[in-house]
Amino acid sequence: MKYKLTTLPRGTAKLPVLDLGFAAIRLKQGASLAITPQTLNYLGSSHAFEAGGYVATIADARVLNTFNGVGVNTPDATALNSTTTLGTNVSKTVIGTSINLTATTVNTLFGGNTTLQTTITVIGRDSGARLTIPVTIIQVTQ
C-alpha cells in the first residue's frame, strides 16, 4: 500500500504534514547529516515528534555509506536498522526518531558524472504523514 488509512482524533481540522527542515538534501562525498523530522498539525500541536518514530526509505542505498535510524528501540526497528546491502541498486528502509546519513566515498559510482541523485521518503508511523525529497551527492575532486 502506498498510503495507509489513518484515524485522526475527532475534531481534527488540518491534516498532519512532515517537516524535515530541508526541501532537498545536498551532501559532498563523505559528509554526514542527521535528519530529525517533525509532524506539523498533529494532535493539536503546531510541531510534534511522533512517539512511534518515522520510517525513512532511501531509493538507492549505494549512494550512502551510512543510513540508519536512532531513537526507536523495538526489536523490529533494531533488526531493520542493522541490515546492509551488497552494492546492488536497492532501496533501504530504517525506523527512528532521527535518521543519520553519510554520503558515499566510492568514486566508481559516479562514472563520468559529478553528482548522484536519489530520493528519501519519510513517513510518520503514528500520523501517516508522508514526504519525499531529492538527495544529491556531490563528487569531491582531488
N, C-alpha and C. Protein backbone atom coordinates (compact mmCIF):
# COMPACT_ATOMS: atom_id res chain seq x y z
N MET A 1 0.82 -1.18 0.00
CA MET A 1 0.00 0.00 0.00
C MET A 1 0.87 1.24 0.00
N LYS A 2 0.58 2.14 -0.86
CA LYS A 2 1.34 3.39 -0.90
C LYS A 2 0.90 4.31 0.24
N TYR A 3 -0.40 4.40 0.49
CA TYR A 3 -0.92 5.26 1.55
C TYR A 3 -1.74 4.40 2.50
N LYS A 4 -1.42 4.45 3.77
CA LYS A 4 -2.17 3.73 4.78
C LYS A 4 -3.38 4.55 5.20
N LEU A 5 -4.42 3.84 5.65
CA LEU A 5 -5.56 4.53 6.23
C LEU A 5 -5.16 5.03 7.60
N THR A 6 -5.58 6.21 7.95
CA THR A 6 -5.20 6.81 9.22
C THR A 6 -6.45 7.29 9.93
N THR A 7 -6.54 7.00 11.22
CA THR A 7 -7.61 7.52 12.04
C THR A 7 -7.04 8.67 12.86
N LEU A 8 -7.60 9.85 12.68
CA LEU A 8 -7.17 11.02 13.41
C LEU A 8 -8.20 11.35 14.48
N PRO A 9 -7.78 12.04 15.54
CA PRO A 9 -8.73 12.37 16.60
C PRO A 9 -9.92 13.17 16.08
N ARG A 10 -11.08 12.96 16.70
CA ARG A 10 -12.29 13.68 16.33
C ARG A 10 -12.05 15.19 16.44
N GLY A 11 -12.52 15.94 15.48
CA GLY A 11 -12.35 17.39 15.50
C GLY A 11 -11.07 17.86 14.84
N THR A 12 -10.30 16.96 14.23
CA THR A 12 -9.08 17.37 13.55
C THR A 12 -9.44 18.24 12.35
N ALA A 13 -8.91 19.46 12.32
CA ALA A 13 -9.26 20.41 11.26
C ALA A 13 -8.22 20.43 10.13
N LYS A 14 -6.99 20.00 10.43
CA LYS A 14 -5.93 20.02 9.44
C LYS A 14 -5.25 18.67 9.39
N LEU A 15 -4.85 18.28 8.19
CA LEU A 15 -4.10 17.03 8.04
C LEU A 15 -2.67 17.22 8.52
N PRO A 16 -2.10 16.21 9.18
CA PRO A 16 -0.70 16.32 9.59
C PRO A 16 0.22 16.28 8.37
N VAL A 17 1.29 17.06 8.42
CA VAL A 17 2.31 17.08 7.37
C VAL A 17 3.69 17.01 8.02
N LEU A 18 4.64 16.48 7.29
CA LEU A 18 6.00 16.35 7.81
C LEU A 18 6.85 17.56 7.45
N ASP A 19 7.76 17.88 8.35
CA ASP A 19 8.76 18.91 8.12
C ASP A 19 10.12 18.31 8.45
N LEU A 20 10.99 18.20 7.45
CA LEU A 20 12.33 17.65 7.66
C LEU A 20 13.35 18.75 7.89
N GLY A 21 12.96 19.99 7.63
CA GLY A 21 13.90 21.09 7.74
C GLY A 21 14.67 21.31 6.45
N PHE A 22 14.39 20.51 5.43
CA PHE A 22 15.08 20.61 4.14
C PHE A 22 14.07 20.42 3.02
N ALA A 23 14.21 21.19 1.95
CA ALA A 23 13.42 20.95 0.74
C ALA A 23 14.14 19.93 -0.14
N ALA A 24 15.46 19.88 0.00
CA ALA A 24 16.31 18.94 -0.73
C ALA A 24 17.58 18.76 0.10
N ILE A 25 18.23 17.62 -0.08
CA ILE A 25 19.48 17.34 0.64
C ILE A 25 20.61 17.29 -0.37
N ARG A 26 21.66 18.08 -0.12
CA ARG A 26 22.87 18.07 -0.95
C ARG A 26 24.06 17.80 -0.03
N LEU A 27 24.76 16.70 -0.28
CA LEU A 27 25.92 16.31 0.53
C LEU A 27 27.14 16.11 -0.34
N LYS A 28 28.29 16.57 0.12
CA LYS A 28 29.55 16.24 -0.54
C LYS A 28 29.93 14.82 -0.13
N GLN A 29 30.77 14.19 -0.94
CA GLN A 29 31.25 12.84 -0.64
C GLN A 29 31.77 12.76 0.79
N GLY A 30 31.33 11.77 1.55
CA GLY A 30 31.81 11.55 2.90
C GLY A 30 31.16 12.43 3.96
N ALA A 31 30.35 13.41 3.57
CA ALA A 31 29.70 14.30 4.54
C ALA A 31 28.54 13.59 5.24
N SER A 32 28.26 14.00 6.47
CA SER A 32 27.20 13.40 7.28
C SER A 32 26.11 14.41 7.57
N LEU A 33 24.91 13.89 7.84
CA LEU A 33 23.77 14.72 8.17
C LEU A 33 22.82 13.91 9.04
N ALA A 34 22.24 14.55 10.05
CA ALA A 34 21.20 13.92 10.87
C ALA A 34 19.89 14.65 10.60
N ILE A 35 18.86 13.90 10.26
CA ILE A 35 17.54 14.46 9.99
C ILE A 35 16.65 14.12 11.18
N THR A 36 15.99 15.14 11.74
CA THR A 36 15.04 14.93 12.83
C THR A 36 13.69 15.46 12.37
N PRO A 37 12.85 14.57 11.83
CA PRO A 37 11.56 15.02 11.32
C PRO A 37 10.64 15.52 12.43
N GLN A 38 9.74 16.40 12.07
CA GLN A 38 8.67 16.87 12.95
C GLN A 38 7.36 16.77 12.19
N THR A 39 6.30 16.51 12.92
CA THR A 39 4.99 16.45 12.31
C THR A 39 4.23 17.71 12.67
N LEU A 40 3.79 18.45 11.67
CA LEU A 40 3.03 19.67 11.87
C LEU A 40 1.54 19.34 11.89
N ASN A 41 0.77 20.08 12.66
CA ASN A 41 -0.69 19.90 12.75
C ASN A 41 -1.09 18.53 13.27
N TYR A 42 -0.34 18.01 14.24
CA TYR A 42 -0.63 16.66 14.73
C TYR A 42 -0.97 16.72 16.23
N LEU A 43 -2.09 16.14 16.60
CA LEU A 43 -2.56 16.07 17.98
C LEU A 43 -2.68 17.45 18.62
N GLY A 44 -3.18 18.41 17.86
CA GLY A 44 -3.42 19.75 18.38
C GLY A 44 -2.18 20.59 18.59
N SER A 45 -1.04 20.13 18.11
CA SER A 45 0.21 20.88 18.27
C SER A 45 0.70 21.35 16.91
N SER A 46 1.33 22.53 16.90
CA SER A 46 1.87 23.02 15.63
C SER A 46 3.11 22.23 15.22
N HIS A 47 3.93 21.78 16.18
CA HIS A 47 5.11 20.95 15.92
C HIS A 47 5.11 19.81 16.93
N ALA A 48 5.27 18.59 16.46
CA ALA A 48 5.30 17.44 17.38
C ALA A 48 6.25 16.38 16.83
N PHE A 49 6.86 15.64 17.73
CA PHE A 49 7.65 14.46 17.37
C PHE A 49 6.77 13.25 17.65
N GLU A 50 6.67 12.35 16.70
CA GLU A 50 5.81 11.19 16.88
C GLU A 50 6.48 10.15 17.76
N ALA A 51 5.75 9.67 18.75
CA ALA A 51 6.30 8.70 19.70
C ALA A 51 6.73 7.41 19.00
N GLY A 52 6.00 7.00 17.97
CA GLY A 52 6.33 5.79 17.24
C GLY A 52 7.50 5.95 16.29
N GLY A 53 7.93 7.19 16.08
CA GLY A 53 9.06 7.45 15.19
C GLY A 53 8.63 7.60 13.75
N TYR A 54 9.61 7.49 12.88
CA TYR A 54 9.41 7.71 11.45
C TYR A 54 10.07 6.58 10.67
N VAL A 55 9.48 6.24 9.54
CA VAL A 55 10.04 5.26 8.62
C VAL A 55 10.67 6.04 7.48
N ALA A 56 11.95 5.82 7.22
CA ALA A 56 12.65 6.52 6.14
C ALA A 56 13.16 5.49 5.13
N THR A 57 12.94 5.77 3.85
CA THR A 57 13.39 4.87 2.78
C THR A 57 14.23 5.66 1.80
N ILE A 58 15.45 5.19 1.57
CA ILE A 58 16.32 5.78 0.55
C ILE A 58 16.15 4.93 -0.71
N ALA A 59 15.92 5.57 -1.85
CA ALA A 59 15.63 4.83 -3.08
C ALA A 59 16.84 4.06 -3.60
N ASP A 60 18.05 4.58 -3.42
CA ASP A 60 19.27 3.90 -3.87
C ASP A 60 20.28 3.93 -2.73
N ALA A 61 20.38 2.82 -2.01
CA ALA A 61 21.24 2.75 -0.83
C ALA A 61 22.72 2.83 -1.17
N ARG A 62 23.10 2.64 -2.43
CA ARG A 62 24.52 2.69 -2.80
C ARG A 62 25.13 4.07 -2.60
N VAL A 63 24.32 5.13 -2.66
CA VAL A 63 24.86 6.49 -2.58
C VAL A 63 25.22 6.90 -1.15
N LEU A 64 24.91 6.06 -0.18
CA LEU A 64 25.22 6.38 1.22
C LEU A 64 26.07 5.28 1.85
N ASN A 65 27.10 5.69 2.61
CA ASN A 65 27.87 4.73 3.41
C ASN A 65 27.08 4.34 4.64
N THR A 66 26.40 5.32 5.25
CA THR A 66 25.63 5.09 6.47
C THR A 66 24.23 5.60 6.27
N PHE A 67 23.25 4.77 6.63
CA PHE A 67 21.84 5.17 6.62
C PHE A 67 21.18 4.38 7.73
N ASN A 68 20.97 5.04 8.88
CA ASN A 68 20.35 4.33 9.99
C ASN A 68 19.44 5.24 10.79
N GLY A 69 18.53 4.62 11.51
CA GLY A 69 17.61 5.34 12.36
C GLY A 69 17.97 5.11 13.82
N VAL A 70 17.78 6.13 14.65
CA VAL A 70 18.04 6.02 16.08
C VAL A 70 16.85 6.57 16.84
N GLY A 71 16.67 6.08 18.07
CA GLY A 71 15.62 6.62 18.93
C GLY A 71 14.42 5.72 19.11
N VAL A 72 14.28 4.68 18.30
CA VAL A 72 13.19 3.72 18.48
C VAL A 72 13.86 2.38 18.76
N ASN A 73 13.64 1.86 19.97
CA ASN A 73 14.37 0.67 20.41
C ASN A 73 13.49 -0.56 20.52
N THR A 74 12.75 -0.86 19.47
CA THR A 74 11.98 -2.09 19.43
C THR A 74 12.78 -3.13 18.66
N PRO A 75 12.52 -4.42 18.88
CA PRO A 75 13.27 -5.45 18.13
C PRO A 75 13.14 -5.32 16.62
N ASP A 76 11.95 -4.96 16.13
CA ASP A 76 11.75 -4.80 14.68
C ASP A 76 12.58 -3.64 14.13
N ALA A 77 12.59 -2.52 14.85
CA ALA A 77 13.36 -1.36 14.39
C ALA A 77 14.85 -1.66 14.41
N THR A 78 15.32 -2.33 15.46
CA THR A 78 16.74 -2.69 15.56
C THR A 78 17.15 -3.61 14.42
N ALA A 79 16.32 -4.60 14.11
CA ALA A 79 16.62 -5.54 13.01
C ALA A 79 16.64 -4.82 11.67
N LEU A 80 15.67 -3.96 11.43
CA LEU A 80 15.60 -3.23 10.17
C LEU A 80 16.78 -2.27 10.01
N ASN A 81 17.17 -1.60 11.09
CA ASN A 81 18.26 -0.63 11.04
C ASN A 81 19.62 -1.28 10.86
N SER A 82 19.76 -2.56 11.19
CA SER A 82 21.07 -3.21 11.10
C SER A 82 21.30 -3.96 9.80
N THR A 83 20.32 -3.99 8.89
CA THR A 83 20.51 -4.69 7.62
C THR A 83 21.47 -3.92 6.73
N THR A 84 22.21 -4.63 5.88
CA THR A 84 23.14 -4.00 4.96
C THR A 84 22.85 -4.47 3.54
N THR A 85 23.32 -3.70 2.57
CA THR A 85 23.18 -4.09 1.17
C THR A 85 24.54 -4.53 0.65
N LEU A 86 24.54 -5.19 -0.48
CA LEU A 86 25.78 -5.71 -1.05
C LEU A 86 26.18 -4.95 -2.31
N GLY A 87 25.88 -3.66 -2.37
CA GLY A 87 26.31 -2.85 -3.50
C GLY A 87 25.38 -2.88 -4.69
N THR A 88 24.21 -3.49 -4.54
CA THR A 88 23.25 -3.50 -5.64
C THR A 88 22.35 -2.28 -5.54
N ASN A 89 21.71 -1.95 -6.65
CA ASN A 89 20.83 -0.79 -6.69
C ASN A 89 19.50 -1.14 -6.03
N VAL A 90 19.45 -1.04 -4.70
CA VAL A 90 18.24 -1.36 -3.96
C VAL A 90 17.93 -0.25 -2.97
N SER A 91 16.68 -0.21 -2.56
CA SER A 91 16.30 0.76 -1.54
C SER A 91 16.60 0.16 -0.16
N LYS A 92 16.61 1.03 0.84
CA LYS A 92 16.80 0.59 2.21
C LYS A 92 15.85 1.40 3.09
N THR A 93 15.25 0.73 4.06
CA THR A 93 14.29 1.36 4.95
C THR A 93 14.78 1.24 6.38
N VAL A 94 14.67 2.34 7.14
CA VAL A 94 15.06 2.35 8.56
C VAL A 94 13.95 3.03 9.36
N ILE A 95 13.97 2.81 10.68
CA ILE A 95 12.99 3.40 11.59
C ILE A 95 13.73 4.15 12.69
N GLY A 96 13.25 5.36 13.03
CA GLY A 96 13.85 6.10 14.13
C GLY A 96 13.18 7.44 14.32
N THR A 97 13.52 8.11 15.42
CA THR A 97 13.06 9.48 15.62
C THR A 97 14.04 10.45 14.97
N SER A 98 15.24 9.96 14.67
CA SER A 98 16.25 10.72 13.95
C SER A 98 16.91 9.77 12.94
N ILE A 99 17.22 10.29 11.77
CA ILE A 99 17.81 9.48 10.70
C ILE A 99 19.19 10.04 10.39
N ASN A 100 20.21 9.16 10.42
CA ASN A 100 21.59 9.56 10.13
C ASN A 100 21.99 9.10 8.74
N LEU A 101 22.59 10.00 7.96
CA LEU A 101 23.10 9.64 6.64
C LEU A 101 24.52 10.12 6.48
N THR A 102 25.33 9.31 5.80
CA THR A 102 26.68 9.69 5.41
C THR A 102 26.85 9.35 3.95
N ALA A 103 27.25 10.33 3.14
CA ALA A 103 27.40 10.13 1.70
C ALA A 103 28.54 9.16 1.39
N THR A 104 28.42 8.49 0.28
CA THR A 104 29.42 7.51 -0.14
C THR A 104 30.77 8.18 -0.41
N THR A 105 31.82 7.39 -0.29
CA THR A 105 33.17 7.85 -0.66
C THR A 105 33.69 7.07 -1.86
N VAL A 106 32.83 6.23 -2.44
CA VAL A 106 33.23 5.38 -3.58
C VAL A 106 33.14 6.19 -4.88
N ASN A 107 34.28 6.48 -5.49
CA ASN A 107 34.32 7.28 -6.72
C ASN A 107 33.78 6.55 -7.93
N THR A 108 33.86 5.23 -7.98
CA THR A 108 33.43 4.48 -9.17
C THR A 108 31.94 4.59 -9.41
N LEU A 109 31.14 4.89 -8.39
CA LEU A 109 29.70 5.05 -8.58
C LEU A 109 29.36 6.25 -9.46
N PHE A 110 30.23 7.25 -9.48
CA PHE A 110 29.95 8.46 -10.23
C PHE A 110 30.14 8.28 -11.73
N GLY A 111 31.01 7.34 -12.14
CA GLY A 111 31.28 7.18 -13.56
C GLY A 111 31.80 8.49 -14.13
N GLY A 112 31.18 9.02 -15.17
CA GLY A 112 31.56 10.29 -15.76
C GLY A 112 30.78 11.47 -15.18
N ASN A 113 29.92 11.21 -14.21
CA ASN A 113 29.10 12.28 -13.62
C ASN A 113 29.79 12.90 -12.41
N THR A 114 29.35 14.08 -12.03
CA THR A 114 29.89 14.72 -10.83
C THR A 114 28.90 14.67 -9.67
N THR A 115 27.67 14.18 -9.94
CA THR A 115 26.67 14.05 -8.88
C THR A 115 25.92 12.72 -9.01
N LEU A 116 25.38 12.28 -7.89
CA LEU A 116 24.48 11.12 -7.85
C LEU A 116 23.15 11.61 -7.32
N GLN A 117 22.05 11.10 -7.88
CA GLN A 117 20.71 11.54 -7.49
C GLN A 117 19.89 10.37 -6.98
N THR A 118 19.11 10.60 -5.93
CA THR A 118 18.14 9.63 -5.44
C THR A 118 17.09 10.40 -4.66
N THR A 119 16.20 9.70 -3.98
CA THR A 119 15.19 10.35 -3.14
C THR A 119 15.12 9.66 -1.79
N ILE A 120 14.65 10.39 -0.80
CA ILE A 120 14.36 9.82 0.51
C ILE A 120 12.89 10.11 0.81
N THR A 121 12.18 9.07 1.26
CA THR A 121 10.78 9.20 1.64
C THR A 121 10.67 8.95 3.13
N VAL A 122 10.04 9.87 3.85
CA VAL A 122 9.86 9.75 5.29
C VAL A 122 8.36 9.71 5.58
N ILE A 123 7.96 8.76 6.43
CA ILE A 123 6.55 8.57 6.78
C ILE A 123 6.43 8.54 8.30
N GLY A 124 5.50 9.30 8.84
CA GLY A 124 5.23 9.26 10.27
C GLY A 124 4.50 7.98 10.62
N ARG A 125 5.03 7.22 11.57
CA ARG A 125 4.43 5.93 11.91
C ARG A 125 3.09 6.08 12.62
N ASP A 126 2.86 7.18 13.31
CA ASP A 126 1.60 7.39 14.02
C ASP A 126 0.60 8.16 13.17
N SER A 127 1.06 9.19 12.47
CA SER A 127 0.15 10.08 11.74
C SER A 127 -0.11 9.64 10.31
N GLY A 128 0.84 8.92 9.70
CA GLY A 128 0.71 8.55 8.29
C GLY A 128 1.16 9.66 7.35
N ALA A 129 1.60 10.79 7.90
CA ALA A 129 2.08 11.89 7.05
C ALA A 129 3.30 11.42 6.27
N ARG A 130 3.43 11.89 5.04
CA ARG A 130 4.47 11.38 4.13
C ARG A 130 5.11 12.54 3.38
N LEU A 131 6.44 12.45 3.18
CA LEU A 131 7.18 13.47 2.43
C LEU A 131 8.33 12.82 1.69
N THR A 132 8.49 13.17 0.42
CA THR A 132 9.61 12.69 -0.39
C THR A 132 10.42 13.89 -0.85
N ILE A 133 11.75 13.83 -0.64
CA ILE A 133 12.62 14.92 -1.08
C ILE A 133 13.80 14.34 -1.85
N PRO A 134 14.39 15.14 -2.77
CA PRO A 134 15.55 14.66 -3.52
C PRO A 134 16.83 14.71 -2.68
N VAL A 135 17.73 13.78 -2.98
CA VAL A 135 19.04 13.72 -2.34
C VAL A 135 20.09 13.76 -3.45
N THR A 136 21.07 14.66 -3.32
CA THR A 136 22.14 14.77 -4.30
C THR A 136 23.48 14.61 -3.58
N ILE A 137 24.31 13.72 -4.10
CA ILE A 137 25.66 13.52 -3.58
C ILE A 137 26.61 14.12 -4.59
N ILE A 138 27.48 15.03 -4.11
CA ILE A 138 28.40 15.75 -4.98
C ILE A 138 29.80 15.16 -4.87
N GLN A 139 30.39 14.80 -6.00
CA GLN A 139 31.72 14.23 -6.02
C GLN A 139 32.77 15.28 -5.65
N VAL A 140 33.68 14.89 -4.78
CA VAL A 140 34.78 15.76 -4.40
C VAL A 140 35.98 15.38 -5.26
N THR A 141 36.46 16.35 -6.05
CA THR A 141 37.61 16.06 -6.92
C THR A 141 38.90 16.32 -6.15
N GLN A 142 39.84 15.47 -6.41
CA GLN A 142 41.14 15.53 -5.70
C GLN A 142 42.03 16.56 -6.32
